[in-house]
Every structure is written in C-alpha cells, then in structure tokens.
C-alpha cells in the first residue's frame, strides 16, 4: 500500500493537469472568439465600404453641397427631390416637405447606417404614380454631425452633454432655406402645402419648429419623436400653446423602442388631443408593433405618413 503522501501528490498532480487543461481550453476559446470577432469586424468594414459605393437615388434628386447659412455660420448639403411631373408640367407648382437628417432620406450610400435609408424618393414616386398622394418636392438638409444634438433640441437636458439650439436651426429653415427653395423651384409656398418632418431628435425639432411657425408649416411628421427630452419638454410646449394652429400632425413610436419611449409618445398624443387636435382628422398617432428605432422601420411607415399629410387632391392642379 502506497503512503498517503504519495497518493496525495498523485491526486494533486492530476488536479493540476486538469486545471491547466481547462485553462488552456478557455484560453483557446477566448483566442478563437477574438479572432472570429476581428474577422467579423473586417467583414463588416468591407461590407460598409461596398454599400458606401452603391447610390440608391430614384428619380430626379438635385444635390446642393454648399448651401450657406449665415445664421449657422456654416454650409450644409441640401437634397431636392423633384417629382416626374415637375419637368413635364412647367406651369405647375408643387407642395414641399422639408426633412431633417438629409443623409438618411434618399441615399443608402450616405446614410448613417450604410445601405439603410428612408426610401422617400422611391415612396413618393410610387404613391404619386398610383394617385395616392399629391406629387411633391422633398427638400432634405443634412444634419450638422457633432452639432446635431445642439441644433435638434429646444432646451438643455440634464442627462445630455449639450442642447438648446433648435431656435437657431428653425430660423435657418424659415428665414434662409425655405425662401431659397421658393425662389429656385416652383413651389406652393403657403403653410397648407408646406410640411416639415424628421425622426428621433429630428422629429422633436420638426414638431417644435412646425408648431412654433404655423404661418410657415401646416404639415408635421414627428416620427419616433424624442418626446422624453428634458423631462418631456415638448409635451409642456404643446400644453403652453396659446391656441391650436391649423396644422396636420403625424406622430408615432415603435413598440420595440422601449416602454419609456412609448409612454412619452402617449403623453405627447394626449397633449395634442387636449389642445384640440382630433385623431383621424388632423392628428394621426401610431404605435408600430415590434418596430425598432431605425431607418428601416421609418421607411416602412413613410407611405402612411405621406398619405396622411399630402393626400391626392381632386380637381385641376394650380399653376400659381
């Protein structure tokens, strides 16, 4: 019979071998996982490079890369979609929809997430061809990159690093961009034929500027609006309106954007109803089932948004 010390050493050696084997296996798995992650990152980068080279513009989209704003002391790229009727009917004037985050509106090559855009050009072309909406001009202005948070928010939020520049952004739209568009293109310039829209913070600034300038904008698309910004500032803003303007408002939220976002969206809807908007008449509120907070989800909702804000008109088209 072996002494107990020999047996103990044998058991210890076996245990140590198993520990070393387990550690080696774990290390091998970590290395393999890291290698797989790096390979996937490389593939993702290659895919993004590929998608950045594929432009997805449909119809006539004119790009103005250096629209200068004296108010913002900078230049912005402005995209202008023109419907097929624009060159064919030279006496006709068209309603206009102004959209935020122009990078994401028409072209997958420039979108925040490569290849994922709002498909507004394709949607307007199809719906106008089918007679479901009025042919319209769509003007999309790029966001300011790192300035986006400031320019798209009306106030400072204690939870955010910056904000509160929406008034200046709104002035740029009202005092600089819209007059230039009305001079350059055949528009129907009145508020009943002029809309403003955006998503997320873009929806927030569109609702804020649109309601603040009812003499300019009579149609608002506030998609996945960041209604929780600054303790629901936009809800308080609606509550404080001196009177309900004659403005059609679309607002929505995806149910997969989080329970807090849904509660904020419902609070915004309730504020609008409390101010006098009527659901189904001049207000449309939607909770999109299982819809996330991204461009693909917003693209799917664009047909309904456009049909509500710019329904096809009966009768002759105005020339002036």
C-alpha atoms as a PDB file:
ATOM      1  CA  UNK A   1       0.000   0.000   0.000  1.00  0.00           C
ATOM      2  CA  UNK A   2       1.333   3.456  -1.009  1.00  0.00           C
ATOM      3  CA  UNK A   3       1.936   6.032   1.707  1.00  0.00           C
ATOM      4  CA  UNK A   4      -0.780   8.693   1.963  1.00  0.00           C
ATOM      5  CA  UNK A   5       1.691  11.425   0.960  1.00  0.00           C
ATOM      6  CA  UNK A   6       2.326   9.700  -2.401  1.00  0.00           C
ATOM      7  CA  UNK A   7      -1.400   9.329  -3.014  1.00  0.00           C
ATOM      8  CA  UNK A   8      -1.980  12.975  -2.147  1.00  0.00           C
ATOM      9  CA  UNK A   9       0.754  14.070  -4.541  1.00  0.00           C
ATOM     10  CA  UNK A  10      -0.747  11.933  -7.324  1.00  0.00           C
ATOM     11  CA  UNK A  11      -4.226  13.393  -6.784  1.00  0.00           C
ATOM     12  CA  UNK A  12      -2.794  16.903  -6.675  1.00  0.00           C
ATOM     13  CA  UNK A  13      -0.859  16.335  -9.899  1.00  0.00           C
ATOM     14  CA  UNK A  14      -3.966  15.022 -11.656  1.00  0.00           C
ATOM     15  CA  UNK A  15      -5.976  18.003 -10.400  1.00  0.00           C
ATOM     16  CA  UNK A  16      -3.279  20.416 -11.554  1.00  0.00           C
ATOM     17  CA  UNK A  17      -3.197  18.792 -15.020  1.00  0.00           C
ATOM     18  CA  UNK A  18      -6.964  19.182 -15.298  1.00  0.00           C
ATOM     19  CA  UNK A  19      -6.756  22.814 -14.211  1.00  0.00           C
ATOM     20  CA  UNK A  20      -4.025  23.505 -16.760  1.00  0.00           C
ATOM     21  CA  UNK A  21      -6.042  21.726 -19.479  1.00  0.00           C
ATOM     22  CA  UNK A  22      -9.156  23.709 -18.582  1.00  0.00           C
ATOM     23  CA  UNK A  23      -7.226  26.976 -18.603  1.00  0.00           C
ATOM     24  CA  UNK A  24      -5.644  26.094 -21.943  1.00  0.00           C
ATOM     25  CA  UNK A  25      -9.057  25.275 -23.390  1.00  0.00           C
ATOM     26  CA  UNK A  26     -10.524  28.510 -22.029  1.00  0.00           C
ATOM     27  CA  UNK A  27      -7.621  30.479 -23.480  1.00  0.00           C
ATOM     28  CA  UNK A  28      -8.070  28.748 -26.813  1.00  0.00           C
ATOM     29  CA  UNK A  29     -11.778  29.629 -26.800  1.00  0.00           C
ATOM     30  CA  UNK A  30     -11.009  33.255 -25.953  1.00  0.00           C
ATOM     31  CA  UNK A  31      -8.450  33.475 -28.764  1.00  0.00           C
ATOM     32  CA  UNK A  32     -10.877  31.848 -31.183  1.00  0.00           C
ATOM     33  CA  UNK A  33     -13.672  34.210 -30.152  1.00  0.00           C
ATOM     34  CA  UNK A  34     -11.395  37.230 -30.500  1.00  0.00           C
ATOM     35  CA  UNK A  35     -10.263  36.033 -33.933  1.00  0.00           C
ATOM     36  CA  UNK A  36     -13.880  35.492 -35.016  1.00  0.00           C
ATOM     37  CA  UNK A  37     -14.787  38.968 -33.753  1.00  0.00           C
ATOM     38  CA  UNK A  38     -11.912  40.548 -35.675  1.00  0.00           C
ATOM     39  CA  UNK A  39     -12.875  38.632 -38.823  1.00  0.00           C
ATOM     40  CA  UNK A  40     -16.483  39.814 -38.447  1.00  0.00           C
ATOM     41  CA  UNK A  41     -15.314  43.392 -37.904  1.00  0.00           C
ATOM     42  CA  UNK A  42     -13.243  43.143 -41.061  1.00  0.00           C
ATOM     43  CA  UNK A  43     -16.211  41.753 -42.983  1.00  0.00           C
ATOM     44  CA  UNK A  44     -18.463  44.495 -41.609  1.00  0.00           C
ATOM     45  CA  UNK A  45     -15.958  47.149 -42.676  1.00  0.00           C
ATOM     46  CA  UNK A  46     -15.701  45.601 -46.129  1.00  0.00           C
ATOM     47  CA  UNK A  47     -19.495  45.485 -46.397  1.00  0.00           C
ATOM     48  CA  UNK A  48     -19.792  49.114 -45.317  1.00  0.00           C
ATOM     49  CA  UNK A  49     -17.210  50.152 -47.909  1.00  0.00           C
ATOM     50  CA  UNK A  50     -19.204  48.246 -50.529  1.00  0.00           C
ATOM     51  CA  UNK A  51     -22.525  49.818 -49.505  1.00  0.00           C
ATOM     52  CA  UNK A  52     -20.991  53.314 -49.405  1.00  0.00           C
ATOM     53  CA  UNK A  53     -20.281  52.912 -53.116  1.00  0.00           C
ATOM     54  CA  UNK A  54     -23.869  51.983 -54.033  1.00  0.00           C
ATOM     55  CA  UNK A  55     -26.066  55.031 -54.538  1.00  0.00           C
ATOM     56  CA  UNK A  56     -29.786  54.338 -54.266  1.00  0.00           C
ATOM     57  CA  UNK A  57     -31.276  57.564 -55.603  1.00  0.00           C
ATOM     58  CA  UNK A  58     -34.514  57.210 -57.573  1.00  0.00           C
ATOM     59  CA  UNK A  59     -35.908  59.802 -59.959  1.00  0.00           C
ATOM     60  CA  UNK A  60     -34.574  63.353 -60.003  1.00  0.00           C
ATOM     61  CA  UNK A  61     -32.646  64.311 -56.865  1.00  0.00           C
ATOM     62  CA  UNK A  62     -30.611  67.502 -57.125  1.00  0.00           C
ATOM     63  CA  UNK A  63     -27.766  67.952 -54.664  1.00  0.00           C
ATOM     64  CA  UNK A  64     -26.575  71.334 -53.471  1.00  0.00           C
ATOM     65  CA  UNK A  65     -23.432  70.545 -51.466  1.00  0.00           C
ATOM     66  CA  UNK A  66     -22.683  74.039 -50.152  1.00  0.00           C
ATOM     67  CA  UNK A  67     -25.876  75.778 -49.138  1.00  0.00           C
ATOM     68  CA  UNK A  68     -24.589  78.595 -46.943  1.00  0.00           C
ATOM     69  CA  UNK A  69     -26.342  79.600 -43.758  1.00  0.00           C
ATOM     70  CA  UNK A  70     -25.328  82.934 -42.285  1.00  0.00           C
ATOM     71  CA  UNK A  71     -27.302  82.099 -39.163  1.00  0.00           C
ATOM     72  CA  UNK A  72     -25.426  78.854 -38.545  1.00  0.00           C
ATOM     73  CA  UNK A  73     -22.168  80.269 -39.936  1.00  0.00           C
ATOM     74  CA  UNK A  74     -21.594  77.127 -41.975  1.00  0.00           C
ATOM     75  CA  UNK A  75     -22.632  75.276 -45.105  1.00  0.00           C
ATOM     76  CA  UNK A  76     -24.923  72.254 -45.395  1.00  0.00           C
ATOM     77  CA  UNK A  77     -25.646  69.830 -48.171  1.00  0.00           C
ATOM     78  CA  UNK A  78     -29.242  70.134 -49.339  1.00  0.00           C
ATOM     79  CA  UNK A  79     -31.019  67.455 -51.366  1.00  0.00           C
ATOM     80  CA  UNK A  80     -34.046  68.326 -53.507  1.00  0.00           C
ATOM     81  CA  UNK A  81     -36.254  65.589 -54.918  1.00  0.00           C
ATOM     82  CA  UNK A  82     -38.412  66.659 -57.875  1.00  0.00           C
ATOM     83  CA  UNK A  83     -41.413  64.574 -58.952  1.00  0.00           C
ATOM     84  CA  UNK A  84     -41.700  63.323 -62.569  1.00  0.00           C
ATOM     85  CA  UNK A  85     -44.439  65.905 -63.199  1.00  0.00           C
ATOM     86  CA  UNK A  86     -42.023  68.782 -62.484  1.00  0.00           C
ATOM     87  CA  UNK A  87     -40.340  68.895 -65.941  1.00  0.00           C
ATOM     88  CA  UNK A  88     -43.447  67.673 -67.781  1.00  0.00           C
ATOM     89  CA  UNK A  89     -45.778  70.376 -66.440  1.00  0.00           C
ATOM     90  CA  UNK A  90     -43.774  73.625 -66.480  1.00  0.00           C
ATOM     91  CA  UNK A  91     -46.680  75.762 -65.241  1.00  0.00           C
ATOM     92  CA  UNK A  92     -47.496  73.590 -62.286  1.00  0.00           C
ATOM     93  CA  UNK A  93     -46.438  74.317 -58.705  1.00  0.00           C
ATOM     94  CA  UNK A  94     -45.891  71.674 -56.052  1.00  0.00           C
ATOM     95  CA  UNK A  95     -46.188  71.266 -52.285  1.00  0.00           C
ATOM     96  CA  UNK A  96     -42.945  70.847 -50.351  1.00  0.00           C
ATOM     97  CA  UNK A  97     -41.887  68.613 -47.478  1.00  0.00           C
ATOM     98  CA  UNK A  98     -38.746  69.626 -45.549  1.00  0.00           C
ATOM     99  CA  UNK A  99     -36.953  66.752 -43.810  1.00  0.00           C
ATOM    100  CA  UNK A 100     -34.148  66.649 -41.240  1.00  0.00           C
ATOM    101  CA  UNK A 101     -31.136  64.287 -41.378  1.00  0.00           C
ATOM    102  CA  UNK A 102     -30.836  64.587 -45.145  1.00  0.00           C
ATOM    103  CA  UNK A 103     -28.050  61.988 -45.236  1.00  0.00           C
ATOM    104  CA  UNK A 104     -30.613  59.291 -44.419  1.00  0.00           C
ATOM    105  CA  UNK A 105     -33.530  60.360 -46.601  1.00  0.00           C
ATOM    106  CA  UNK A 106     -32.688  59.283 -50.172  1.00  0.00           C
ATOM    107  CA  UNK A 107     -29.340  57.549 -50.477  1.00  0.00           C
ATOM    108  CA  UNK A 108     -28.087  54.411 -48.780  1.00  0.00           C
ATOM    109  CA  UNK A 109     -24.511  55.382 -49.617  1.00  0.00           C
ATOM    110  CA  UNK A 110     -24.660  58.427 -47.329  1.00  0.00           C
ATOM    111  CA  UNK A 111     -26.998  57.089 -44.626  1.00  0.00           C
ATOM    112  CA  UNK A 112     -25.900  56.871 -41.011  1.00  0.00           C
ATOM    113  CA  UNK A 113     -26.127  53.093 -41.299  1.00  0.00           C
ATOM    114  CA  UNK A 114     -24.760  52.234 -44.725  1.00  0.00           C
ATOM    115  CA  UNK A 115     -27.453  50.949 -47.051  1.00  0.00           C
ATOM    116  CA  UNK A 116     -30.326  51.851 -44.719  1.00  0.00           C
ATOM    117  CA  UNK A 117     -32.252  54.943 -45.842  1.00  0.00           C
ATOM    118  CA  UNK A 118     -35.784  56.271 -45.607  1.00  0.00           C
ATOM    119  CA  UNK A 119     -36.546  55.476 -49.273  1.00  0.00           C
ATOM    120  CA  UNK A 120     -38.515  58.713 -49.539  1.00  0.00           C
ATOM    121  CA  UNK A 121     -37.742  59.164 -53.250  1.00  0.00           C
ATOM    122  CA  UNK A 122     -38.957  55.664 -54.120  1.00  0.00           C
ATOM    123  CA  UNK A 123     -42.031  56.040 -51.925  1.00  0.00           C
ATOM    124  CA  UNK A 124     -43.079  59.437 -53.315  1.00  0.00           C
ATOM    125  CA  UNK A 125     -42.611  58.223 -56.891  1.00  0.00           C
ATOM    126  CA  UNK A 126     -44.758  55.132 -56.310  1.00  0.00           C
ATOM    127  CA  UNK A 127     -47.535  56.791 -54.313  1.00  0.00           C
ATOM    128  CA  UNK A 128     -47.831  59.736 -56.711  1.00  0.00           C
ATOM    129  CA  UNK A 129     -47.920  57.374 -59.685  1.00  0.00           C
ATOM    130  CA  UNK A 130     -50.704  55.398 -58.022  1.00  0.00           C
ATOM    131  CA  UNK A 131     -52.648  58.587 -57.289  1.00  0.00           C
ATOM    132  CA  UNK A 132     -52.442  58.107 -53.516  1.00  0.00           C
ATOM    133  CA  UNK A 133     -50.611  61.357 -52.748  1.00  0.00           C
ATOM    134  CA  UNK A 134     -50.111  64.751 -54.332  1.00  0.00           C
ATOM    135  CA  UNK A 135     -46.809  64.876 -56.268  1.00  0.00           C
ATOM    136  CA  UNK A 136     -44.471  66.892 -54.112  1.00  0.00           C
ATOM    137  CA  UNK A 137     -40.994  68.309 -53.802  1.00  0.00           C
ATOM    138  CA  UNK A 138     -38.947  66.918 -50.919  1.00  0.00           C
ATOM    139  CA  UNK A 139     -36.123  69.029 -49.502  1.00  0.00           C
ATOM    140  CA  UNK A 140     -33.739  67.254 -47.138  1.00  0.00           C
ATOM    141  CA  UNK A 141     -30.993  69.103 -45.298  1.00  0.00           C
ATOM    142  CA  UNK A 142     -28.046  67.254 -43.799  1.00  0.00           C
ATOM    143  CA  UNK A 143     -27.588  67.347 -40.065  1.00  0.00           C
ATOM    144  CA  UNK A 144     -24.558  69.072 -38.595  1.00  0.00           C
ATOM    145  CA  UNK A 145     -22.746  65.927 -37.477  1.00  0.00           C
ATOM    146  CA  UNK A 146     -21.437  66.602 -33.988  1.00  0.00           C
ATOM    147  CA  UNK A 147     -23.695  69.696 -33.893  1.00  0.00           C
ATOM    148  CA  UNK A 148     -26.817  67.582 -34.402  1.00  0.00           C
ATOM    149  CA  UNK A 149     -27.614  67.265 -30.705  1.00  0.00           C
ATOM    150  CA  UNK A 150     -27.464  71.029 -30.232  1.00  0.00           C
ATOM    151  CA  UNK A 151     -29.361  72.007 -33.362  1.00  0.00           C
ATOM    152  CA  UNK A 152     -32.172  69.471 -32.979  1.00  0.00           C
ATOM    153  CA  UNK A 153     -33.049  70.171 -29.347  1.00  0.00           C
ATOM    154  CA  UNK A 154     -35.044  73.137 -27.996  1.00  0.00           C
ATOM    155  CA  UNK A 155     -33.551  73.033 -24.493  1.00  0.00           C
ATOM    156  CA  UNK A 156     -30.736  71.557 -22.449  1.00  0.00           C
ATOM    157  CA  UNK A 157     -31.460  68.167 -20.942  1.00  0.00           C
ATOM    158  CA  UNK A 158     -29.633  67.491 -17.634  1.00  0.00           C
ATOM    159  CA  UNK A 159     -28.874  63.977 -18.887  1.00  0.00           C
ATOM    160  CA  UNK A 160     -27.212  65.176 -22.114  1.00  0.00           C
ATOM    161  CA  UNK A 161     -23.900  66.957 -22.708  1.00  0.00           C
ATOM    162  CA  UNK A 162     -25.379  69.738 -24.822  1.00  0.00           C
ATOM    163  CA  UNK A 163     -28.529  71.091 -26.439  1.00  0.00           C
ATOM    164  CA  UNK A 164     -30.769  74.081 -26.882  1.00  0.00           C
ATOM    165  CA  UNK A 165     -30.033  75.230 -30.434  1.00  0.00           C
ATOM    166  CA  UNK A 166     -33.332  74.397 -32.131  1.00  0.00           C
ATOM    167  CA  UNK A 167     -34.461  78.009 -32.351  1.00  0.00           C
ATOM    168  CA  UNK A 168     -31.465  78.930 -34.480  1.00  0.00           C
ATOM    169  CA  UNK A 169     -31.909  75.811 -36.613  1.00  0.00           C
ATOM    170  CA  UNK A 170     -35.560  76.738 -37.083  1.00  0.00           C
ATOM    171  CA  UNK A 171     -34.617  80.246 -38.164  1.00  0.00           C
ATOM    172  CA  UNK A 172     -32.265  78.767 -40.751  1.00  0.00           C
ATOM    173  CA  UNK A 173     -35.133  76.711 -42.173  1.00  0.00           C
ATOM    174  CA  UNK A 174     -37.660  79.548 -42.115  1.00  0.00           C
ATOM    175  CA  UNK A 175     -35.507  82.563 -42.987  1.00  0.00           C
ATOM    176  CA  UNK A 176     -32.858  81.066 -45.273  1.00  0.00           C
ATOM    177  CA  UNK A 177     -33.651  77.633 -46.693  1.00  0.00           C
ATOM    178  CA  UNK A 178     -37.358  77.989 -47.472  1.00  0.00           C
ATOM    179  CA  UNK A 179     -37.025  81.391 -49.203  1.00  0.00           C
ATOM    180  CA  UNK A 180     -34.207  79.981 -51.324  1.00  0.00           C
ATOM    181  CA  UNK A 181     -36.273  76.898 -52.235  1.00  0.00           C
ATOM    182  CA  UNK A 182     -39.287  79.082 -53.128  1.00  0.00           C
ATOM    183  CA  UNK A 183     -37.076  81.252 -55.365  1.00  0.00           C
ATOM    184  CA  UNK A 184     -35.345  78.313 -57.021  1.00  0.00           C
ATOM    185  CA  UNK A 185     -38.211  75.866 -57.553  1.00  0.00           C
ATOM    186  CA  UNK A 186     -41.894  76.063 -58.485  1.00  0.00           C
ATOM    187  CA  UNK A 187     -43.419  75.610 -55.055  1.00  0.00           C
ATOM    188  CA  UNK A 188     -46.779  76.200 -53.449  1.00  0.00           C
ATOM    189  CA  UNK A 189     -45.361  78.296 -50.613  1.00  0.00           C
ATOM    190  CA  UNK A 190     -48.328  78.565 -48.252  1.00  0.00           C
ATOM    191  CA  UNK A 191     -48.478  76.641 -44.967  1.00  0.00           C
ATOM    192  CA  UNK A 192     -51.255  74.321 -46.147  1.00  0.00           C
ATOM    193  CA  UNK A 193     -48.835  72.997 -48.776  1.00  0.00           C
ATOM    194  CA  UNK A 194     -45.634  73.029 -46.709  1.00  0.00           C
ATOM    195  CA  UNK A 195     -44.577  70.270 -44.338  1.00  0.00           C
ATOM    196  CA  UNK A 196     -41.676  69.584 -42.005  1.00  0.00           C
ATOM    197  CA  UNK A 197     -40.576  66.235 -40.639  1.00  0.00           C
ATOM    198  CA  UNK A 198     -37.929  64.101 -39.060  1.00  0.00           C
ATOM    199  CA  UNK A 199     -37.268  61.161 -36.798  1.00  0.00           C
ATOM    200  CA  UNK A 200     -35.957  60.851 -33.248  1.00  0.00           C
ATOM    201  CA  UNK A 201     -34.418  64.230 -32.364  1.00  0.00           C
ATOM    202  CA  UNK A 202     -35.302  65.227 -35.922  1.00  0.00           C
ATOM    203  CA  UNK A 203     -38.931  64.573 -35.030  1.00  0.00           C
ATOM    204  CA  UNK A 204     -38.549  66.655 -31.896  1.00  0.00           C
ATOM    205  CA  UNK A 205     -37.147  69.673 -33.734  1.00  0.00           C
ATOM    206  CA  UNK A 206     -39.709  69.316 -36.533  1.00  0.00           C
ATOM    207  CA  UNK A 207     -42.599  69.378 -34.083  1.00  0.00           C
ATOM    208  CA  UNK A 208     -41.078  72.283 -32.158  1.00  0.00           C
ATOM    209  CA  UNK A 209     -40.336  74.391 -35.245  1.00  0.00           C
ATOM    210  CA  UNK A 210     -43.533  73.412 -37.034  1.00  0.00           C
ATOM    211  CA  UNK A 211     -45.816  74.302 -34.137  1.00  0.00           C
ATOM    212  CA  UNK A 212     -43.793  77.426 -33.469  1.00  0.00           C
ATOM    213  CA  UNK A 213     -44.218  78.607 -37.074  1.00  0.00           C
ATOM    214  CA  UNK A 214     -47.745  77.690 -38.147  1.00  0.00           C
ATOM    215  CA  UNK A 215     -47.616  80.557 -40.645  1.00  0.00           C
ATOM    216  CA  UNK A 216     -44.921  78.566 -42.494  1.00  0.00           C
ATOM    217  CA  UNK A 217     -45.583  74.871 -41.841  1.00  0.00           C
ATOM    218  CA  UNK A 218     -49.056  73.360 -41.940  1.00  0.00           C
ATOM    219  CA  UNK A 219     -47.984  69.689 -42.007  1.00  0.00           C
ATOM    220  CA  UNK A 220     -45.742  67.943 -39.460  1.00  0.00           C
ATOM    221  CA  UNK A 221     -44.267  64.422 -39.447  1.00  0.00           C
ATOM    222  CA  UNK A 222     -42.838  63.676 -35.998  1.00  0.00           C
ATOM    223  CA  UNK A 223     -41.598  60.094 -36.323  1.00  0.00           C
ATOM    224  CA  UNK A 224     -40.286  58.212 -33.298  1.00  0.00           C
ATOM    225  CA  UNK A 225     -40.087  61.601 -31.627  1.00  0.00           C
ATOM    226  CA  UNK A 226     -37.709  62.007 -28.698  1.00  0.00           C
ATOM    227  CA  UNK A 227     -40.620  63.182 -26.572  1.00  0.00           C
ATOM    228  CA  UNK A 228     -38.804  62.379 -23.342  1.00  0.00           C
ATOM    229  CA  UNK A 229     -36.154  65.035 -23.962  1.00  0.00           C
ATOM    230  CA  UNK A 230     -35.721  67.351 -20.964  1.00  0.00           C
ATOM    231  CA  UNK A 231     -38.489  65.827 -18.862  1.00  0.00           C
ATOM    232  CA  UNK A 232     -40.968  65.868 -21.776  1.00  0.00           C
ATOM    233  CA  UNK A 233     -40.314  69.462 -22.770  1.00  0.00           C
ATOM    234  CA  UNK A 234     -42.304  69.051 -25.991  1.00  0.00           C
ATOM    235  CA  UNK A 235     -45.373  67.980 -24.006  1.00  0.00           C
ATOM    236  CA  UNK A 236     -45.121  71.134 -21.900  1.00  0.00           C
ATOM    237  CA  UNK A 237     -44.596  73.149 -25.083  1.00  0.00           C
ATOM    238  CA  UNK A 238     -47.817  71.804 -26.602  1.00  0.00           C
ATOM    239  CA  UNK A 239     -49.682  72.451 -23.358  1.00  0.00           C
ATOM    240  CA  UNK A 240     -48.472  76.063 -23.386  1.00  0.00           C
ATOM    241  CA  UNK A 241     -49.511  76.849 -26.963  1.00  0.00           C
ATOM    242  CA  UNK A 242     -51.761  79.930 -26.862  1.00  0.00           C
ATOM    243  CA  UNK A 243     -54.104  78.333 -29.402  1.00  0.00           C
ATOM    244  CA  UNK A 244     -54.274  75.266 -31.579  1.00  0.00           C
ATOM    245  CA  UNK A 245     -52.917  76.074 -35.053  1.00  0.00           C
ATOM    246  CA  UNK A 246     -54.474  74.712 -38.236  1.00  0.00           C
ATOM    247  CA  UNK A 247     -51.771  72.042 -38.587  1.00  0.00           C
ATOM    248  CA  UNK A 248     -51.970  68.357 -39.503  1.00  0.00           C
ATOM    249  CA  UNK A 249     -49.713  66.283 -37.255  1.00  0.00           C
ATOM    250  CA  UNK A 250     -48.460  62.730 -37.663  1.00  0.00           C
ATOM    251  CA  UNK A 251     -46.657  61.293 -34.642  1.00  0.00           C
ATOM    252  CA  UNK A 252     -45.703  57.710 -33.864  1.00  0.00           C
ATOM    253  CA  UNK A 253     -43.467  55.321 -31.953  1.00  0.00           C
ATOM    254  CA  UNK A 254     -42.285  51.756 -32.382  1.00  0.00           C
ATOM    255  CA  UNK A 255     -43.228  49.384 -29.584  1.00  0.00           C
ATOM    256  CA  UNK A 256     -39.681  47.964 -29.607  1.00  0.00           C
ATOM    257  CA  UNK A 257     -38.197  51.390 -28.847  1.00  0.00           C
ATOM    258  CA  UNK A 258     -38.750  50.822 -25.138  1.00  0.00           C
ATOM    259  CA  UNK A 259     -41.581  51.229 -22.658  1.00  0.00           C
ATOM    260  CA  UNK A 260     -40.409  54.700 -21.603  1.00  0.00           C
ATOM    261  CA  UNK A 261     -40.438  55.917 -25.215  1.00  0.00           C
ATOM    262  CA  UNK A 262     -43.962  54.566 -25.681  1.00  0.00           C
ATOM    263  CA  UNK A 263     -45.151  56.317 -22.516  1.00  0.00           C
ATOM    264  CA  UNK A 264     -43.569  59.575 -23.695  1.00  0.00           C
ATOM    265  CA  UNK A 265     -45.234  59.236 -27.104  1.00  0.00           C
ATOM    266  CA  UNK A 266     -48.622  58.655 -25.496  1.00  0.00           C
ATOM    267  CA  UNK A 267     -48.137  61.707 -23.299  1.00  0.00           C
ATOM    268  CA  UNK A 268     -47.411  63.760 -26.423  1.00  0.00           C
ATOM    269  CA  UNK A 269     -50.512  62.418 -28.146  1.00  0.00           C
ATOM    270  CA  UNK A 270     -52.634  63.207 -25.097  1.00  0.00           C
ATOM    271  CA  UNK A 271     -51.258  66.762 -25.005  1.00  0.00           C
ATOM    272  CA  UNK A 272     -52.147  67.277 -28.671  1.00  0.00           C
ATOM    273  CA  UNK A 273     -55.648  65.912 -28.141  1.00  0.00           C
ATOM    274  CA  UNK A 274     -56.028  68.086 -25.061  1.00  0.00           C
ATOM    275  CA  UNK A 275     -55.098  71.137 -27.127  1.00  0.00           C
ATOM    276  CA  UNK A 276     -57.778  70.349 -29.693  1.00  0.00           C
ATOM    277  CA  UNK A 277     -56.309  68.014 -32.300  1.00  0.00           C
ATOM    278  CA  UNK A 278     -58.645  65.179 -33.292  1.00  0.00           C
ATOM    279  CA  UNK A 279     -57.329  61.708 -34.037  1.00  0.00           C
ATOM    280  CA  UNK A 280     -58.344  60.609 -37.505  1.00  0.00           C
ATOM    281  CA  UNK A 281     -58.943  64.209 -38.590  1.00  0.00           C
ATOM    282  CA  UNK A 282     -55.906  66.474 -38.179  1.00  0.00           C
ATOM    283  CA  UNK A 283     -53.924  64.081 -35.952  1.00  0.00           C
ATOM    284  CA  UNK A 284     -52.671  60.586 -36.642  1.00  0.00           C
ATOM    285  CA  UNK A 285     -50.979  58.644 -33.844  1.00  0.00           C
ATOM    286  CA  UNK A 286     -49.470  55.206 -34.446  1.00  0.00           C
ATOM    287  CA  UNK A 287     -47.775  52.614 -32.281  1.00  0.00           C
ATOM    288  CA  UNK A 288     -45.951  50.422 -34.784  1.00  0.00           C
ATOM    289  CA  UNK A 289     -45.868  46.859 -33.471  1.00  0.00           C
ATOM    290  CA  UNK A 290     -42.367  45.485 -32.855  1.00  0.00           C
ATOM    291  CA  UNK A 291     -40.829  48.379 -34.792  1.00  0.00           C
ATOM    292  CA  UNK A 292     -37.325  49.416 -33.635  1.00  0.00           C
ATOM    293  CA  UNK A 293     -35.706  52.852 -33.693  1.00  0.00           C
ATOM    294  CA  UNK A 294     -34.023  52.814 -37.104  1.00  0.00           C
ATOM    295  CA  UNK A 295     -34.230  53.937 -40.719  1.00  0.00           C
ATOM    296  CA  UNK A 296     -35.686  50.656 -41.969  1.00  0.00           C
ATOM    297  CA  UNK A 297     -38.648  50.966 -39.612  1.00  0.00           C
ATOM    298  CA  UNK A 298     -39.202  54.597 -40.592  1.00  0.00           C
ATOM    299  CA  UNK A 299     -39.065  53.726 -44.299  1.00  0.00           C
ATOM    300  CA  UNK A 300     -41.883  51.225 -43.779  1.00  0.00           C
ATOM    301  CA  UNK A 301     -44.055  53.939 -42.219  1.00  0.00           C
ATOM    302  CA  UNK A 302     -43.382  56.605 -44.854  1.00  0.00           C
ATOM    303  CA  UNK A 303     -46.278  55.610 -47.164  1.00  0.00           C
ATOM    304  CA  UNK A 304     -48.813  56.107 -44.372  1.00  0.00           C
ATOM    305  CA  UNK A 305     -47.133  59.355 -43.288  1.00  0.00           C
ATOM    306  CA  UNK A 306     -47.239  60.809 -46.793  1.00  0.00           C
ATOM    307  CA  UNK A 307     -50.812  59.697 -47.472  1.00  0.00           C
ATOM    308  CA  UNK A 308     -51.966  61.433 -44.303  1.00  0.00           C
ATOM    309  CA  UNK A 309     -50.030  64.674 -44.794  1.00  0.00           C
ATOM    310  CA  UNK A 310     -50.272  65.062 -48.576  1.00  0.00           C
ATOM    311  CA  UNK A 311     -53.341  63.197 -49.851  1.00  0.00           C
ATOM    312  CA  UNK A 312     -54.120  63.419 -53.551  1.00  0.00           C
ATOM    313  CA  UNK A 313     -56.201  66.463 -54.433  1.00  0.00           C
ATOM    314  CA  UNK A 314     -59.255  66.416 -56.692  1.00  0.00           C
ATOM    315  CA  UNK A 315     -59.720  68.957 -59.438  1.00  0.00           C
ATOM    316  CA  UNK A 316     -57.261  70.947 -61.563  1.00  0.00           C
ATOM    317  CA  UNK A 317     -53.718  71.489 -60.383  1.00  0.00           C
ATOM    318  CA  UNK A 318     -52.733  75.057 -59.539  1.00  0.00           C
ATOM    319  CA  UNK A 319     -50.263  76.860 -61.733  1.00  0.00           C
ATOM    320  CA  UNK A 320     -49.534  79.639 -59.291  1.00  0.00           C
END
